[in-house]
Structures are given as C-alpha cells and as structure tokens.
Amino acid sequence: MSRNTILEKLEGVRLRFEEVEQMLTDPQVANDMQRYIKLNKEYRDLEPVVKAYGEYRNVLSNIDSAKEILAAEKDEEMREMARMELDDLHEKIGPMEEKIRLLLLPADPEDEKNAIVEIRAGTGGDEASIFAGDLFRMYGKFCENKRWKVEITHYNEGTAGGYKEVVFNVSGQGVYGVLKYESGVHRVQRVPQTETQGRVHTSAATVAVLPEAEEFDIDLRPDDIRKDTYCSSGPGGQSVNTTYSAIRLTHIPSGIVVTCQDQKSQLKNLDKAMAELRTRLYNLEYQKYIDEISSKRKTMVSTGDRSAKIRTYNYQQGRVTDHRINLTLYNLTVILDGELDEIIDKLQMAENAERLKASTV
C-alpha cells in the first residue's frame, strides 16, 4: 500500500468519522436504539484510526519542513539540526505506517463482544475431566487479571474431580477478540493422580469460544422454544433439589438445547438460558463466516476448526507448545496460573501478519 493510498484511505475514514459523529447527535437516531448502538460502535472503532491519521499527517508535515530547510538554509548548524530531525522522523514513519495498515484492515465484527466458553473433557477418562478443571481455573485466573466477569451457567462435575463439561459467560471489554484464540483441542501429557506405576498419559479437552449474541442479533420466536423446569443439582443450599429453578430450553427448528441452573431464581436462569440460546443460533451463521475466512487463509490462528489440536501442556518438561505457530514456552506453571498474554499476543501478531499479506495480494 503506497503512501498516497494510505492518505486517501485515512481521509475517507476521517470523513466517515465526522459523518457518524454528526449522526449521533440526531434525535431520530437516538430514538432508534439498534441504529444508535451500531453507530456508537462504529464511532469508537474509527476513533483510533482518526487519531493515528492526525499523528501521521503531522510527521509528514515535519518531514516536508525539514527538507525545505535543507534545500534553502545556508547555515550549517541549522542544516545539521534539520538532518538529525529528518533521520528521526524517517525512523518513526515506518512503524507508524505499519500500525496504520493494521488499523485499516477490516476488524472481525464480533471481537468486541462478550463470549460464552465451553470446556469439555475429551479422551482420557477421569484425567481428562481433571484437565478440563485445570483449564477452567486457568481461564478464570486470566479473566480475573483482565478484570472480566465470569459466570458459570452449566456444569457437570467429573467423578474424580474437575469437569466433564463446564459452560460459562465472560463479559468485559473486547473479550471475544482475545479468547477466540483458545478454541480447539487442548492436550495434556502428565502422570495422572490415579496412575500407580508413574506412566505418562495423554489426555485432552476441547474448548469452544462463541461470541455472545446481542438481543438485536437474532429474533427468537416464542413458539419455536420449549421450556422445561427441573430441580437444580450441586451446591446451593436448601433450594437445591427442592425448587424447580433450573431451566432447559429446546429450540424446536434447530434441535439446540441449553440449560442453566446456577441461579436460585427461575427468572434469572431463564434470562441466562435465553442469552445462550441466542448465541448458539447466531453462531450457526457465524461459523459460515469463519469457514469462509479459513478457506482463504492457509493458517487460521483464531477460531477455525474447533476439532483441531492447538496446544500441548507437557508437565514433565514444564513445556507449553502452541502448534498453530510452532511456539514453545517453558513456563507451564505460570501459564496455568492464567498468564496467557504472551501466547495470545504472538497469535495475534501471526494473524495480523497473515491478514496484511492477504491484503496486498
């Protein structure tokens, strides 16, 4: 992308930013909540691009000024100062243009959304359930560090600990854009607690991260939903097994079933179950979008194929390997304590590099 092309694109963004800013002050737009929310999101998305444009234009202007001084100035001291400034500005312009190219790439429209995360024990019996519990703890710590809110909506405990499955909502700023890299099969290599001869076993758990559908994203017809109530199970005090507070929703056209039992109130469980059902229906369409991207890119480092093995946790070597980008780190304990930033940062860098390459083809 040439410098002139970058400037043309940035000027177009600036004009659209000013147009959206003006529309947000229109009372008619304010009365249309769905439109207002979309425009407000577009405004927030365009804001960092417009800011980068201002900084970029300022640097280009300073480069032109320094060149004019070199061309017209006779005083050698002034010329030397201009040369030094020009060298400094040329060092800045390259990284600045790289940042702008990334900002101009179309963003995944789902990245800013909250997420629903599902962890399910795979091959490995009890050890797989224990590992699923370890992954849940890892993500819990990670979300805590990010100051994101985690709410469990459904779980099924393993017989020896951990979870056969656990489903939870994560809410906060830009949740899905970060957690989407965790979708896939996670494999663990270690000596299980139940192993008496010290042999290393390989077990697995699957993680699926779904962008949470907003109320405006999907239209649910009440006639298409069958609602069942039943007694909650697990910890929760006197109301457990005595009140019909747990909810099971079945979407008849698709056959999708969701359950929620973490709240004592049936109404609260119903709200959460409806949110999850909207998300699952929305993701039927969203998966088509993911498949289309995957077919165009050789390496889909975000969601892609959720059945693909993405990461191995080896306890004997204290090693974590992400197979999508051939990244190996020897800090297993730290990563399991929720320090996932280094891995996710490198995955984002790999995807951005691939997107930049695709945009220039």
Protein backbone atom coordinates (compact mmCIF):
# COMPACT_ATOMS: atom_id res chain seq x y z
CA MET A 1 0.00 0.00 0.00
CA SER A 2 1.64 3.26 -1.17
CA ARG A 3 1.79 6.40 0.93
CA ASN A 4 -0.76 8.16 -1.30
CA THR A 5 -3.13 5.20 -0.98
CA ILE A 6 -2.76 5.28 2.81
CA LEU A 7 -3.56 9.01 2.87
CA GLU A 8 -6.61 8.52 0.64
CA LYS A 9 -7.95 5.75 2.86
CA LEU A 10 -7.30 7.76 6.03
CA GLU A 11 -9.04 10.82 4.61
CA GLY A 12 -12.05 8.64 3.78
CA VAL A 13 -12.07 7.33 7.37
CA ARG A 14 -11.88 10.88 8.73
CA LEU A 15 -14.86 11.99 6.65
CA ARG A 16 -16.89 8.96 7.77
CA PHE A 17 -15.91 9.62 11.40
CA GLU A 18 -17.22 13.18 11.18
CA GLU A 19 -20.41 11.94 9.47
CA VAL A 20 -21.06 9.36 12.21
CA GLU A 21 -20.31 11.94 14.90
CA GLN A 22 -22.94 14.23 13.39
CA MET A 23 -25.49 11.39 13.07
CA LEU A 24 -25.12 10.50 16.76
CA THR A 25 -26.45 13.96 17.67
CA ASP A 26 -29.58 13.44 15.55
CA PRO A 27 -32.68 12.90 17.80
CA GLN A 28 -34.17 10.46 15.26
CA VAL A 29 -31.07 8.25 15.52
CA ALA A 30 -31.20 8.43 19.33
CA ASN A 31 -34.78 7.12 19.22
CA ASP A 32 -33.74 4.10 17.14
CA MET A 33 -31.75 2.15 19.74
CA GLN A 34 -30.50 -0.55 17.39
CA ARG A 35 -29.14 2.02 14.93
CA TYR A 36 -27.70 4.17 17.71
CA ILE A 37 -25.78 1.22 19.20
CA LYS A 38 -24.31 0.32 15.79
CA LEU A 39 -23.28 3.91 15.05
CA ASN A 40 -21.78 4.34 18.51
CA LYS A 41 -19.69 1.20 17.99
CA GLU A 42 -18.56 2.44 14.56
CA TYR A 43 -17.58 5.76 16.13
CA ARG A 44 -15.43 4.00 18.75
CA ASP A 45 -13.85 1.82 16.07
CA LEU A 46 -12.97 4.79 13.84
CA GLU A 47 -11.62 6.98 16.64
CA PRO A 48 -8.13 5.36 16.95
CA VAL A 49 -7.72 5.46 13.15
CA VAL A 50 -8.51 9.17 13.04
CA LYS A 51 -6.09 9.81 15.90
CA ALA A 52 -3.34 7.88 14.08
CA TYR A 53 -4.13 9.87 10.93
CA GLY A 54 -3.54 13.16 12.77
CA GLU A 55 -0.18 11.94 14.11
CA TYR A 56 0.83 10.59 10.70
CA ARG A 57 -0.06 13.80 8.90
CA ASN A 58 1.92 15.79 11.50
CA VAL A 59 5.04 13.65 10.91
CA LEU A 60 4.72 14.01 7.12
CA SER A 61 4.41 17.79 7.53
CA ASN A 62 7.56 17.89 9.69
CA ILE A 63 9.43 15.83 7.08
CA ASP A 64 8.47 18.35 4.38
CA SER A 65 9.59 21.25 6.63
CA ALA A 66 12.97 19.60 7.34
CA LYS A 67 13.52 19.02 3.60
CA GLU A 68 12.71 22.67 2.85
CA ILE A 69 15.30 23.80 5.42
CA LEU A 70 17.96 21.54 3.84
CA ALA A 71 17.14 22.91 0.39
CA ALA A 72 17.14 26.62 1.31
CA GLU A 73 19.18 27.10 4.51
CA LYS A 74 22.81 28.22 4.22
CA ASP A 75 23.69 28.00 7.94
CA GLU A 76 25.44 24.64 8.50
CA GLU A 77 24.30 24.34 12.11
CA MET A 78 20.64 24.72 11.05
CA ARG A 79 21.17 22.22 8.24
CA GLU A 80 22.66 19.69 10.68
CA MET A 81 19.69 20.08 13.01
CA ALA A 82 17.33 19.55 10.08
CA ARG A 83 19.25 16.42 9.01
CA MET A 84 19.04 15.00 12.54
CA GLU A 85 15.31 15.71 12.72
CA LEU A 86 14.80 14.14 9.30
CA ASP A 87 16.61 10.96 10.36
CA ASP A 88 14.48 10.78 13.50
CA LEU A 89 11.25 11.30 11.53
CA HIS A 90 12.18 8.64 8.95
CA GLU A 91 12.68 6.16 11.81
CA LYS A 92 9.18 6.93 13.09
CA ILE A 93 7.34 6.81 9.76
CA GLY A 94 7.89 3.09 9.04
CA PRO A 95 6.39 1.71 12.29
CA MET A 96 3.65 4.35 12.07
CA GLU A 97 2.63 3.19 8.58
CA GLU A 98 2.70 -0.45 9.73
CA LYS A 99 0.34 0.42 12.61
CA ILE A 100 -1.98 2.30 10.24
CA ARG A 101 -2.10 -0.61 7.77
CA LEU A 102 -3.24 -2.82 10.65
CA LEU A 103 -5.84 -0.28 11.76
CA LEU A 104 -7.19 -0.08 8.21
CA LEU A 105 -7.72 -3.84 7.99
CA PRO A 106 -11.39 -4.75 8.44
CA ALA A 107 -11.91 -5.88 12.04
CA ASP A 108 -13.80 -9.02 12.96
CA PRO A 109 -17.21 -7.53 13.84
CA GLU A 110 -17.50 -9.95 16.75
CA ASP A 111 -14.23 -9.06 18.52
CA GLU A 112 -15.77 -6.51 20.90
CA LYS A 113 -18.47 -8.89 22.11
CA ASN A 114 -18.66 -10.89 25.31
CA ALA A 115 -18.09 -14.63 24.99
CA ILE A 116 -19.59 -17.94 26.00
CA VAL A 117 -16.88 -20.53 26.69
CA GLU A 118 -17.45 -24.29 26.76
CA ILE A 119 -14.84 -26.71 28.12
CA ARG A 120 -15.50 -30.42 27.66
CA ALA A 121 -13.41 -33.39 28.75
CA GLY A 122 -12.24 -35.44 25.76
CA THR A 123 -10.21 -38.65 25.57
CA GLY A 124 -8.61 -39.76 28.83
CA GLY A 125 -11.44 -40.61 31.22
CA ASP A 126 -11.13 -39.12 34.72
CA GLU A 127 -7.82 -37.48 33.85
CA ALA A 128 -9.49 -35.58 31.00
CA SER A 129 -12.09 -34.22 33.44
CA ILE A 130 -9.37 -33.14 35.86
CA PHE A 131 -7.56 -31.40 32.99
CA ALA A 132 -10.79 -29.65 31.94
CA GLY A 133 -10.95 -28.33 35.52
CA ASP A 134 -7.34 -27.12 35.22
CA LEU A 135 -8.22 -25.25 32.02
CA PHE A 136 -11.26 -23.68 33.69
CA ARG A 137 -9.06 -22.49 36.56
CA MET A 138 -6.51 -21.11 34.05
CA TYR A 139 -9.14 -19.10 32.21
CA GLY A 140 -10.66 -17.95 35.49
CA LYS A 141 -7.29 -16.53 36.58
CA PHE A 142 -6.73 -14.97 33.15
CA CYS A 143 -10.15 -13.27 33.22
CA GLU A 144 -9.54 -12.10 36.79
CA ASN A 145 -6.28 -10.45 35.68
CA LYS A 146 -8.20 -8.72 32.87
CA ARG A 147 -10.95 -7.67 35.32
CA TRP A 148 -13.51 -9.56 33.25
CA LYS A 149 -16.61 -11.04 34.87
CA VAL A 150 -17.06 -14.83 34.77
CA GLU A 151 -20.43 -16.53 35.38
CA ILE A 152 -20.90 -20.30 35.20
CA THR A 153 -24.20 -21.23 33.51
CA HIS A 154 -23.91 -25.02 33.41
CA TYR A 155 -21.51 -27.70 34.64
CA ASN A 156 -21.22 -31.45 35.08
CA GLU A 157 -18.53 -32.48 37.55
CA GLY A 158 -16.14 -35.36 36.92
CA THR A 159 -16.20 -38.40 39.20
CA ALA A 160 -12.56 -37.82 40.27
CA GLY A 161 -12.63 -34.00 40.18
CA GLY A 162 -12.68 -31.34 37.52
CA TYR A 163 -15.50 -31.20 34.98
CA LYS A 164 -16.94 -33.42 32.31
CA GLU A 165 -18.22 -30.14 30.92
CA VAL A 166 -18.47 -26.55 32.10
CA VAL A 167 -20.07 -23.60 30.30
CA PHE A 168 -19.51 -20.01 31.40
CA ASN A 169 -20.08 -16.44 30.24
CA VAL A 170 -17.25 -13.90 30.17
CA SER A 171 -18.14 -10.20 29.98
CA GLY A 172 -15.84 -7.22 29.62
CA GLN A 173 -14.04 -5.10 27.03
CA GLY A 174 -13.08 -6.94 23.83
CA VAL A 175 -13.49 -10.41 25.37
CA TYR A 176 -14.18 -12.47 22.26
CA GLY A 177 -11.32 -10.85 20.29
CA VAL A 178 -8.89 -12.25 22.87
CA LEU A 179 -10.46 -15.56 23.92
CA LYS A 180 -11.28 -16.72 20.37
CA TYR A 181 -7.70 -17.98 20.04
CA GLU A 182 -8.44 -20.65 22.66
CA SER A 183 -10.94 -22.59 20.55
CA GLY A 184 -9.75 -26.09 19.72
CA VAL A 185 -8.39 -29.26 21.33
CA HIS A 186 -6.00 -28.82 24.28
CA ARG A 187 -3.80 -31.83 25.09
CA VAL A 188 -2.05 -32.64 28.37
CA GLN A 189 0.86 -35.05 28.92
CA ARG A 190 1.49 -35.96 32.56
CA VAL A 191 1.34 -38.73 35.16
CA PRO A 192 -2.30 -38.86 36.31
CA GLN A 193 -3.20 -38.85 40.01
CA THR A 194 -4.71 -42.32 39.52
CA GLU A 195 -1.56 -43.78 37.89
CA THR A 196 0.29 -46.15 40.27
CA GLN A 197 3.25 -47.01 38.03
CA GLY A 198 4.32 -43.49 37.14
CA ARG A 199 3.49 -43.72 33.44
CA VAL A 200 2.83 -40.57 31.42
CA HIS A 201 -0.67 -40.43 29.93
CA THR A 202 -2.02 -38.16 27.19
CA SER A 203 -5.49 -36.71 27.70
CA ALA A 204 -7.46 -33.96 26.01
CA ALA A 205 -10.19 -31.40 26.49
CA THR A 206 -11.99 -29.28 23.91
CA VAL A 207 -12.56 -25.55 24.25
CA ALA A 208 -15.15 -23.66 22.21
CA VAL A 209 -15.38 -19.86 22.43
CA LEU A 210 -18.52 -18.27 20.97
CA PRO A 211 -19.25 -14.55 20.55
CA GLU A 212 -22.27 -13.76 22.70
CA ALA A 213 -25.24 -12.73 20.59
CA GLU A 214 -26.83 -9.43 21.50
CA GLU A 215 -30.57 -9.05 21.74
CA PHE A 216 -30.72 -7.36 18.33
CA ASP A 217 -28.63 -10.07 16.59
CA ILE A 218 -31.25 -12.80 16.50
CA ASP A 219 -35.04 -12.83 16.55
CA LEU A 220 -36.36 -15.68 18.71
CA ARG A 221 -39.98 -16.70 18.21
CA PRO A 222 -41.61 -17.94 21.45
CA ASP A 223 -43.48 -20.63 19.50
CA ASP A 224 -40.15 -22.18 18.48
CA ILE A 225 -38.99 -22.69 22.09
CA ARG A 226 -39.99 -25.43 24.53
CA LYS A 227 -39.26 -24.58 28.16
CA ASP A 228 -38.78 -27.24 30.84
CA THR A 229 -38.08 -26.66 34.52
CA TYR A 230 -36.39 -29.04 36.94
CA CYS A 231 -34.61 -29.11 40.31
CA SER A 232 -31.07 -27.77 40.42
CA SER A 233 -28.25 -30.08 41.47
CA GLY A 234 -24.94 -29.42 43.18
CA PRO A 235 -24.06 -26.84 45.86
CA GLY A 236 -26.56 -24.13 46.61
CA GLY A 237 -28.24 -24.60 49.96
CA GLN A 238 -31.82 -25.51 50.81
CA SER A 239 -33.28 -24.55 47.44
CA VAL A 240 -31.28 -27.25 45.64
CA ASN A 241 -33.37 -30.33 44.80
CA THR A 242 -36.47 -28.68 46.32
CA THR A 243 -37.45 -25.89 43.89
CA TYR A 244 -37.85 -26.04 40.14
CA SER A 245 -35.44 -23.19 39.42
CA ALA A 246 -33.27 -24.85 36.72
CA ILE A 247 -34.23 -24.17 33.11
CA ARG A 248 -33.93 -26.26 29.96
CA LEU A 249 -34.76 -24.60 26.63
CA THR A 250 -35.17 -26.54 23.39
CA HIS A 251 -35.17 -24.66 20.10
CA ILE A 252 -37.51 -26.87 18.07
CA PRO A 253 -36.45 -25.91 14.49
CA SER A 254 -32.72 -26.45 15.15
CA GLY A 255 -32.85 -29.01 17.97
CA ILE A 256 -30.45 -26.90 20.08
CA VAL A 257 -30.82 -27.48 23.84
CA VAL A 258 -29.43 -25.19 26.55
CA THR A 259 -29.66 -25.46 30.33
CA CYS A 260 -28.99 -23.06 33.20
CA GLN A 261 -29.09 -23.87 36.90
CA ASP A 262 -26.57 -21.59 38.61
CA GLN A 263 -29.13 -19.10 39.98
CA LYS A 264 -31.75 -19.78 42.69
CA SER A 265 -34.23 -17.68 40.72
CA GLN A 266 -36.00 -19.37 37.81
CA LEU A 267 -36.35 -15.99 36.04
CA LYS A 268 -32.60 -15.32 36.24
CA ASN A 269 -31.84 -18.79 34.93
CA LEU A 270 -34.33 -18.20 32.10
CA ASP A 271 -32.62 -14.91 31.13
CA LYS A 272 -29.23 -16.61 31.01
CA ALA A 273 -30.55 -19.59 29.07
CA MET A 274 -32.19 -17.29 26.51
CA ALA A 275 -28.92 -15.40 26.07
CA GLU A 276 -27.06 -18.67 25.49
CA LEU A 277 -29.69 -19.93 23.05
CA ARG A 278 -29.46 -16.69 21.04
CA THR A 279 -25.68 -17.12 20.96
CA ARG A 280 -25.82 -20.72 19.75
CA LEU A 281 -28.27 -19.86 16.96
CA TYR A 282 -26.22 -16.82 16.00
CA ASN A 283 -23.11 -18.97 15.83
CA LEU A 284 -24.66 -21.29 13.26
CA GLU A 285 -24.43 -18.33 10.86
CA TYR A 286 -21.18 -17.02 12.30
CA GLN A 287 -19.48 -20.37 11.63
CA LYS A 288 -20.13 -19.87 7.91
CA TYR A 289 -18.18 -16.61 8.16
CA ILE A 290 -15.33 -18.41 9.95
CA ASP A 291 -15.28 -21.17 7.34
CA GLU A 292 -15.08 -18.59 4.56
CA ILE A 293 -12.09 -16.89 6.20
CA SER A 294 -10.39 -20.22 6.85
CA SER A 295 -10.71 -21.20 3.20
CA LYS A 296 -8.94 -18.00 2.16
CA ARG A 297 -6.12 -18.22 4.71
CA LYS A 298 -3.60 -21.01 4.95
CA THR A 299 -3.34 -20.62 8.71
CA MET A 300 -6.42 -19.69 10.68
CA VAL A 301 -5.00 -18.93 14.09
CA SER A 302 -8.20 -17.80 15.74
CA THR A 303 -11.33 -19.94 15.74
CA GLY A 304 -11.08 -22.05 12.60
CA ASP A 305 -11.57 -25.79 13.02
CA ARG A 306 -12.63 -26.35 16.63
CA SER A 307 -11.67 -30.03 16.38
CA ALA A 308 -8.02 -29.23 15.59
CA LYS A 309 -5.30 -29.82 18.19
CA ILE A 310 -3.98 -26.39 19.05
CA ARG A 311 -1.88 -26.72 22.21
CA THR A 312 0.01 -29.28 24.32
CA TYR A 313 0.80 -28.95 28.04
CA ASN A 314 3.72 -31.24 28.98
CA TYR A 315 4.25 -31.46 32.75
CA GLN A 316 7.49 -33.47 32.71
CA GLN A 317 9.26 -30.82 30.64
CA GLY A 318 7.35 -27.84 32.06
CA ARG A 319 6.53 -27.06 28.43
CA VAL A 320 3.60 -25.50 26.61
CA THR A 321 3.55 -25.74 22.80
CA ASP A 322 1.09 -23.92 20.56
CA HIS A 323 1.04 -25.94 17.34
CA ARG A 324 -0.52 -23.24 15.14
CA ILE A 325 2.56 -21.01 15.24
CA ASN A 326 5.16 -23.53 16.48
CA LEU A 327 5.61 -21.60 19.71
CA THR A 328 7.16 -23.41 22.69
CA LEU A 329 7.47 -21.88 26.16
CA TYR A 330 8.99 -23.49 29.25
CA ASN A 331 6.81 -21.79 31.86
CA LEU A 332 3.93 -24.25 32.26
CA THR A 333 3.15 -23.33 35.88
CA VAL A 334 2.92 -19.62 35.10
CA ILE A 335 0.65 -20.22 32.09
CA LEU A 336 -1.68 -22.49 34.08
CA ASP A 337 -1.91 -19.65 36.62
CA GLY A 338 -3.55 -17.54 33.93
CA GLU A 339 -0.57 -15.80 32.33
CA LEU A 340 -1.70 -16.34 28.73
CA ASP A 341 -0.81 -12.91 27.37
CA GLU A 342 2.47 -13.92 25.71
CA ILE A 343 0.83 -16.76 23.79
CA ILE A 344 -2.20 -14.71 22.72
CA ASP A 345 -0.04 -11.70 21.75
CA LYS A 346 2.05 -13.91 19.44
CA LEU A 347 -1.07 -15.49 17.94
CA GLN A 348 -2.48 -12.02 17.25
CA MET A 349 0.80 -10.94 15.66
CA ALA A 350 0.81 -14.05 13.43
CA GLU A 351 -2.77 -13.45 12.34
CA ASN A 352 -2.15 -9.75 11.69
CA ALA A 353 0.91 -10.59 9.56
CA GLU A 354 -1.20 -13.04 7.58
CA ARG A 355 -4.00 -10.53 7.13
CA LEU A 356 -1.54 -7.86 5.96
CA LYS A 357 -0.04 -10.31 3.48
CA ALA A 358 -3.51 -11.24 2.19
CA SER A 359 -4.46 -7.57 1.79
CA THR A 360 -1.51 -6.89 -0.53
CA VAL A 361 -2.16 -9.90 -2.83
